[in-house]
């Protein structure tokens, strides 16, 4: 990826550079992320007035109950079918893991992966966009299974405490 020249401006603070990089990354990579991170939300609570008001078309909606294992299998088959039809390009490594269904963690602290993004930015600035993440020079940003799951939980399965009434699964 060719990074904006403004990132090599040494008069800017790291915070300014991070804002430029994150906007650039977001704009350039949104379609790739959308192809590989499809999120659907579910709730354990079908009686919450707040949930009905927010998500149930002001009490005009409907409730569908799902068996989690059947839902996961149907989602995996659906994604495989869409990929074979050329609808999007989810990497095979993600499809092999299959869809996930996990309870959301509610926290008084905001999820923060900025250190990891800065580390990745610095390596990409130094060596260029990785062709092969197994290349040893990128080992600092390569995540093992547990580290990947931890980052994934922070990004996709952590919400502010005030949303805990949702009792959400994703």
C-alpha atoms as a PDB file:
ATOM      1  CA  UNK A   1       0.000   0.000   0.000  1.00  0.00           C
ATOM      2  CA  UNK A   2       1.327   3.439  -0.870  1.00  0.00           C
ATOM      3  CA  UNK A   3       0.965   5.583   2.232  1.00  0.00           C
ATOM      4  CA  UNK A   4       0.174   9.318   2.070  1.00  0.00           C
ATOM      5  CA  UNK A   5       3.277  11.515   1.822  1.00  0.00           C
ATOM      6  CA  UNK A   6       2.022  13.544   4.794  1.00  0.00           C
ATOM      7  CA  UNK A   7       3.005  10.621   7.027  1.00  0.00           C
ATOM      8  CA  UNK A   8       6.687  11.267   6.334  1.00  0.00           C
ATOM      9  CA  UNK A   9       6.357  14.899   7.499  1.00  0.00           C
ATOM     10  CA  UNK A  10       8.512  14.992  10.646  1.00  0.00           C
ATOM     11  CA  UNK A  11       6.861  18.161  11.940  1.00  0.00           C
ATOM     12  CA  UNK A  12       3.632  16.288  12.700  1.00  0.00           C
ATOM     13  CA  UNK A  13       2.972  14.648  16.032  1.00  0.00           C
ATOM     14  CA  UNK A  14       2.456  10.895  16.241  1.00  0.00           C
ATOM     15  CA  UNK A  15      -1.225  11.595  17.024  1.00  0.00           C
ATOM     16  CA  UNK A  16      -1.614  13.628  13.806  1.00  0.00           C
ATOM     17  CA  UNK A  17       0.132  10.898  11.818  1.00  0.00           C
ATOM     18  CA  UNK A  18      -2.037   8.247  13.426  1.00  0.00           C
ATOM     19  CA  UNK A  19      -5.205  10.159  12.448  1.00  0.00           C
ATOM     20  CA  UNK A  20      -4.001  10.457   8.849  1.00  0.00           C
ATOM     21  CA  UNK A  21      -3.035   6.777   8.736  1.00  0.00           C
ATOM     22  CA  UNK A  22      -6.257   5.533  10.313  1.00  0.00           C
ATOM     23  CA  UNK A  23      -8.385   7.624   7.907  1.00  0.00           C
ATOM     24  CA  UNK A  24      -6.300   6.421   4.965  1.00  0.00           C
ATOM     25  CA  UNK A  25      -6.488   2.811   6.152  1.00  0.00           C
ATOM     26  CA  UNK A  26     -10.226   3.062   6.780  1.00  0.00           C
ATOM     27  CA  UNK A  27     -10.955   4.569   3.360  1.00  0.00           C
ATOM     28  CA  UNK A  28      -8.641   2.260   1.432  1.00  0.00           C
ATOM     29  CA  UNK A  29      -9.410  -0.956   3.290  1.00  0.00           C
ATOM     30  CA  UNK A  30     -13.134  -0.667   4.130  1.00  0.00           C
ATOM     31  CA  UNK A  31     -14.236  -2.893   1.252  1.00  0.00           C
ATOM     32  CA  UNK A  32     -11.706  -5.597   2.183  1.00  0.00           C
ATOM     33  CA  UNK A  33     -12.831  -5.499   5.800  1.00  0.00           C
ATOM     34  CA  UNK A  34     -16.480  -5.599   4.782  1.00  0.00           C
ATOM     35  CA  UNK A  35     -15.771  -8.662   2.657  1.00  0.00           C
ATOM     36  CA  UNK A  36     -14.253 -10.537   5.579  1.00  0.00           C
ATOM     37  CA  UNK A  37     -16.099  -9.220   8.652  1.00  0.00           C
ATOM     38  CA  UNK A  38     -19.831  -9.667   8.381  1.00  0.00           C
ATOM     39  CA  UNK A  39     -21.585  -8.988  11.675  1.00  0.00           C
ATOM     40  CA  UNK A  40     -25.085  -9.896  12.791  1.00  0.00           C
ATOM     41  CA  UNK A  41     -26.361  -9.168  16.283  1.00  0.00           C
ATOM     42  CA  UNK A  42     -28.683 -11.208  18.489  1.00  0.00           C
ATOM     43  CA  UNK A  43     -30.108 -10.718  21.967  1.00  0.00           C
ATOM     44  CA  UNK A  44     -30.942 -13.038  24.851  1.00  0.00           C
ATOM     45  CA  UNK A  45     -33.767 -10.708  25.910  1.00  0.00           C
ATOM     46  CA  UNK A  46     -37.016 -10.657  23.932  1.00  0.00           C
ATOM     47  CA  UNK A  47     -38.940  -8.595  26.521  1.00  0.00           C
ATOM     48  CA  UNK A  48     -36.828  -5.430  26.729  1.00  0.00           C
ATOM     49  CA  UNK A  49     -38.901  -2.332  25.955  1.00  0.00           C
ATOM     50  CA  UNK A  50     -35.728  -0.433  25.061  1.00  0.00           C
ATOM     51  CA  UNK A  51     -34.726  -3.136  22.556  1.00  0.00           C
ATOM     52  CA  UNK A  52     -38.205  -3.164  21.011  1.00  0.00           C
ATOM     53  CA  UNK A  53     -38.105   0.625  20.688  1.00  0.00           C
ATOM     54  CA  UNK A  54     -34.586   0.705  19.188  1.00  0.00           C
ATOM     55  CA  UNK A  55     -34.590  -2.383  16.966  1.00  0.00           C
ATOM     56  CA  UNK A  56     -38.149  -3.720  16.740  1.00  0.00           C
ATOM     57  CA  UNK A  57     -39.680  -1.046  14.522  1.00  0.00           C
ATOM     58  CA  UNK A  58     -41.328   0.602  17.555  1.00  0.00           C
ATOM     59  CA  UNK A  59     -42.982  -2.626  18.706  1.00  0.00           C
ATOM     60  CA  UNK A  60     -44.117  -3.633  15.202  1.00  0.00           C
ATOM     61  CA  UNK A  61     -41.235  -6.069  14.634  1.00  0.00           C
ATOM     62  CA  UNK A  62     -41.024  -9.818  15.061  1.00  0.00           C
ATOM     63  CA  UNK A  63     -38.916 -12.222  17.107  1.00  0.00           C
ATOM     64  CA  UNK A  64     -37.071 -15.137  15.556  1.00  0.00           C
ATOM     65  CA  UNK A  65     -35.576 -17.803  17.767  1.00  0.00           C
ATOM     66  CA  UNK A  66     -32.500 -19.660  16.520  1.00  0.00           C
ATOM     67  CA  UNK A  67     -30.611 -22.765  17.504  1.00  0.00           C
ATOM     68  CA  UNK A  68     -26.999 -21.537  17.702  1.00  0.00           C
ATOM     69  CA  UNK A  69     -25.385 -24.600  16.091  1.00  0.00           C
ATOM     70  CA  UNK A  70     -27.891 -24.645  13.216  1.00  0.00           C
ATOM     71  CA  UNK A  71     -27.443 -20.900  12.718  1.00  0.00           C
ATOM     72  CA  UNK A  72     -23.656 -21.239  12.528  1.00  0.00           C
ATOM     73  CA  UNK A  73     -23.853 -24.111  10.041  1.00  0.00           C
ATOM     74  CA  UNK A  74     -26.358 -22.233   7.849  1.00  0.00           C
ATOM     75  CA  UNK A  75     -24.181 -19.087   7.957  1.00  0.00           C
ATOM     76  CA  UNK A  76     -21.067 -21.035   6.943  1.00  0.00           C
ATOM     77  CA  UNK A  77     -22.902 -22.691   4.035  1.00  0.00           C
ATOM     78  CA  UNK A  78     -24.326 -19.337   2.958  1.00  0.00           C
ATOM     79  CA  UNK A  79     -20.898 -17.669   2.974  1.00  0.00           C
ATOM     80  CA  UNK A  80     -19.338 -20.535   1.023  1.00  0.00           C
ATOM     81  CA  UNK A  81     -22.139 -20.349  -1.515  1.00  0.00           C
ATOM     82  CA  UNK A  82     -21.744 -16.577  -1.921  1.00  0.00           C
ATOM     83  CA  UNK A  83     -17.998 -16.912  -2.359  1.00  0.00           C
ATOM     84  CA  UNK A  84     -18.431 -19.591  -5.031  1.00  0.00           C
ATOM     85  CA  UNK A  85     -20.850 -17.250  -6.851  1.00  0.00           C
ATOM     86  CA  UNK A  86     -18.208 -14.519  -6.746  1.00  0.00           C
ATOM     87  CA  UNK A  87     -20.295 -12.219  -4.536  1.00  0.00           C
ATOM     88  CA  UNK A  88     -17.284 -11.246  -2.403  1.00  0.00           C
ATOM     89  CA  UNK A  89     -13.768 -12.339  -1.676  1.00  0.00           C
ATOM     90  CA  UNK A  90     -13.578 -13.692   1.866  1.00  0.00           C
ATOM     91  CA  UNK A  91     -10.112 -15.220   2.323  1.00  0.00           C
ATOM     92  CA  UNK A  92     -10.157 -19.027   2.610  1.00  0.00           C
ATOM     93  CA  UNK A  93      -8.331 -18.817   5.955  1.00  0.00           C
ATOM     94  CA  UNK A  94     -11.327 -16.962   7.392  1.00  0.00           C
ATOM     95  CA  UNK A  95     -13.865 -19.292   5.814  1.00  0.00           C
ATOM     96  CA  UNK A  96     -12.074 -22.326   7.244  1.00  0.00           C
ATOM     97  CA  UNK A  97     -12.525 -20.885  10.746  1.00  0.00           C
ATOM     98  CA  UNK A  98     -16.190 -20.484   9.963  1.00  0.00           C
ATOM     99  CA  UNK A  99     -18.575 -17.978  11.437  1.00  0.00           C
ATOM    100  CA  UNK A 100     -18.403 -17.209  15.120  1.00  0.00           C
ATOM    101  CA  UNK A 101     -21.157 -16.611  17.631  1.00  0.00           C
ATOM    102  CA  UNK A 102     -19.989 -15.180  20.920  1.00  0.00           C
ATOM    103  CA  UNK A 103     -21.402 -13.192  23.782  1.00  0.00           C
ATOM    104  CA  UNK A 104     -20.480  -9.504  23.828  1.00  0.00           C
ATOM    105  CA  UNK A 105     -18.363  -8.284  26.747  1.00  0.00           C
ATOM    106  CA  UNK A 106     -19.492  -5.045  28.352  1.00  0.00           C
ATOM    107  CA  UNK A 107     -16.748  -2.935  29.849  1.00  0.00           C
ATOM    108  CA  UNK A 108     -16.330   0.457  31.437  1.00  0.00           C
ATOM    109  CA  UNK A 109     -13.149   0.792  29.339  1.00  0.00           C
ATOM    110  CA  UNK A 110     -13.123   1.373  25.608  1.00  0.00           C
ATOM    111  CA  UNK A 111     -11.415  -1.290  23.501  1.00  0.00           C
ATOM    112  CA  UNK A 112      -8.059   0.024  22.290  1.00  0.00           C
ATOM    113  CA  UNK A 113      -5.828  -1.596  19.675  1.00  0.00           C
ATOM    114  CA  UNK A 114      -3.982   1.592  18.701  1.00  0.00           C
ATOM    115  CA  UNK A 115      -0.598   0.222  19.857  1.00  0.00           C
ATOM    116  CA  UNK A 116      -0.966  -2.688  17.439  1.00  0.00           C
ATOM    117  CA  UNK A 117      -2.015  -0.363  14.602  1.00  0.00           C
ATOM    118  CA  UNK A 118       0.959   1.940  15.220  1.00  0.00           C
ATOM    119  CA  UNK A 119       3.328  -1.051  15.265  1.00  0.00           C
ATOM    120  CA  UNK A 120       1.850  -2.305  11.973  1.00  0.00           C
ATOM    121  CA  UNK A 121       2.079   1.182  10.455  1.00  0.00           C
ATOM    122  CA  UNK A 122       5.743   1.481  11.427  1.00  0.00           C
ATOM    123  CA  UNK A 123       6.620  -1.880   9.869  1.00  0.00           C
ATOM    124  CA  UNK A 124       4.698  -1.109   6.671  1.00  0.00           C
ATOM    125  CA  UNK A 125       6.455   2.275   6.487  1.00  0.00           C
ATOM    126  CA  UNK A 126       9.809   0.555   6.915  1.00  0.00           C
ATOM    127  CA  UNK A 127       9.379  -2.524   4.710  1.00  0.00           C
ATOM    128  CA  UNK A 128       6.318  -1.837   2.548  1.00  0.00           C
ATOM    129  CA  UNK A 129       3.052  -3.745   2.341  1.00  0.00           C
ATOM    130  CA  UNK A 130       3.617  -7.419   3.250  1.00  0.00           C
ATOM    131  CA  UNK A 131       3.364  -9.895   0.409  1.00  0.00           C
ATOM    132  CA  UNK A 132       3.896 -12.745   2.844  1.00  0.00           C
ATOM    133  CA  UNK A 133       3.152 -12.273   6.548  1.00  0.00           C
ATOM    134  CA  UNK A 134       5.397 -15.268   7.282  1.00  0.00           C
ATOM    135  CA  UNK A 135       8.363 -13.103   6.295  1.00  0.00           C
ATOM    136  CA  UNK A 136      10.388 -12.765   9.523  1.00  0.00           C
ATOM    137  CA  UNK A 137      10.613  -8.978   9.296  1.00  0.00           C
ATOM    138  CA  UNK A 138       6.839  -8.836   9.918  1.00  0.00           C
ATOM    139  CA  UNK A 139       6.933 -11.176  12.918  1.00  0.00           C
ATOM    140  CA  UNK A 140       6.125  -8.288  15.301  1.00  0.00           C
ATOM    141  CA  UNK A 141       2.667  -7.857  13.757  1.00  0.00           C
ATOM    142  CA  UNK A 142       1.911 -11.491  13.009  1.00  0.00           C
ATOM    143  CA  UNK A 143      -0.592 -12.754  15.544  1.00  0.00           C
ATOM    144  CA  UNK A 144      -0.781 -16.309  16.824  1.00  0.00           C
ATOM    145  CA  UNK A 145      -4.239 -17.826  17.307  1.00  0.00           C
ATOM    146  CA  UNK A 146      -4.698 -16.586  20.878  1.00  0.00           C
ATOM    147  CA  UNK A 147      -3.464 -13.067  20.106  1.00  0.00           C
ATOM    148  CA  UNK A 148      -5.704 -12.894  17.035  1.00  0.00           C
ATOM    149  CA  UNK A 149      -8.709 -13.962  19.107  1.00  0.00           C
ATOM    150  CA  UNK A 150      -7.889 -11.363  21.768  1.00  0.00           C
ATOM    151  CA  UNK A 151      -7.709  -8.557  19.187  1.00  0.00           C
ATOM    152  CA  UNK A 152     -10.860  -9.819  17.515  1.00  0.00           C
ATOM    153  CA  UNK A 153     -12.709  -9.829  20.850  1.00  0.00           C
ATOM    154  CA  UNK A 154     -11.597  -6.253  21.513  1.00  0.00           C
ATOM    155  CA  UNK A 155     -12.691  -5.019  18.085  1.00  0.00           C
ATOM    156  CA  UNK A 156     -15.937  -6.915  17.581  1.00  0.00           C
ATOM    157  CA  UNK A 157     -17.135  -8.269  20.924  1.00  0.00           C
ATOM    158  CA  UNK A 158     -16.557  -5.423  23.390  1.00  0.00           C
ATOM    159  CA  UNK A 159     -19.049  -2.633  24.034  1.00  0.00           C
ATOM    160  CA  UNK A 160     -19.488   0.083  26.622  1.00  0.00           C
ATOM    161  CA  UNK A 161     -21.121  -0.946  29.880  1.00  0.00           C
ATOM    162  CA  UNK A 162     -24.215   1.192  29.274  1.00  0.00           C
ATOM    163  CA  UNK A 163     -25.219  -1.144  26.416  1.00  0.00           C
ATOM    164  CA  UNK A 164     -25.316  -4.214  28.672  1.00  0.00           C
ATOM    165  CA  UNK A 165     -29.138  -4.233  28.711  1.00  0.00           C
ATOM    166  CA  UNK A 166     -28.910  -5.620  25.154  1.00  0.00           C
ATOM    167  CA  UNK A 167     -27.483  -8.974  26.333  1.00  0.00           C
ATOM    168  CA  UNK A 168     -25.974  -9.190  22.873  1.00  0.00           C
ATOM    169  CA  UNK A 169     -24.383 -12.012  20.927  1.00  0.00           C
ATOM    170  CA  UNK A 170     -22.575 -11.438  17.625  1.00  0.00           C
END
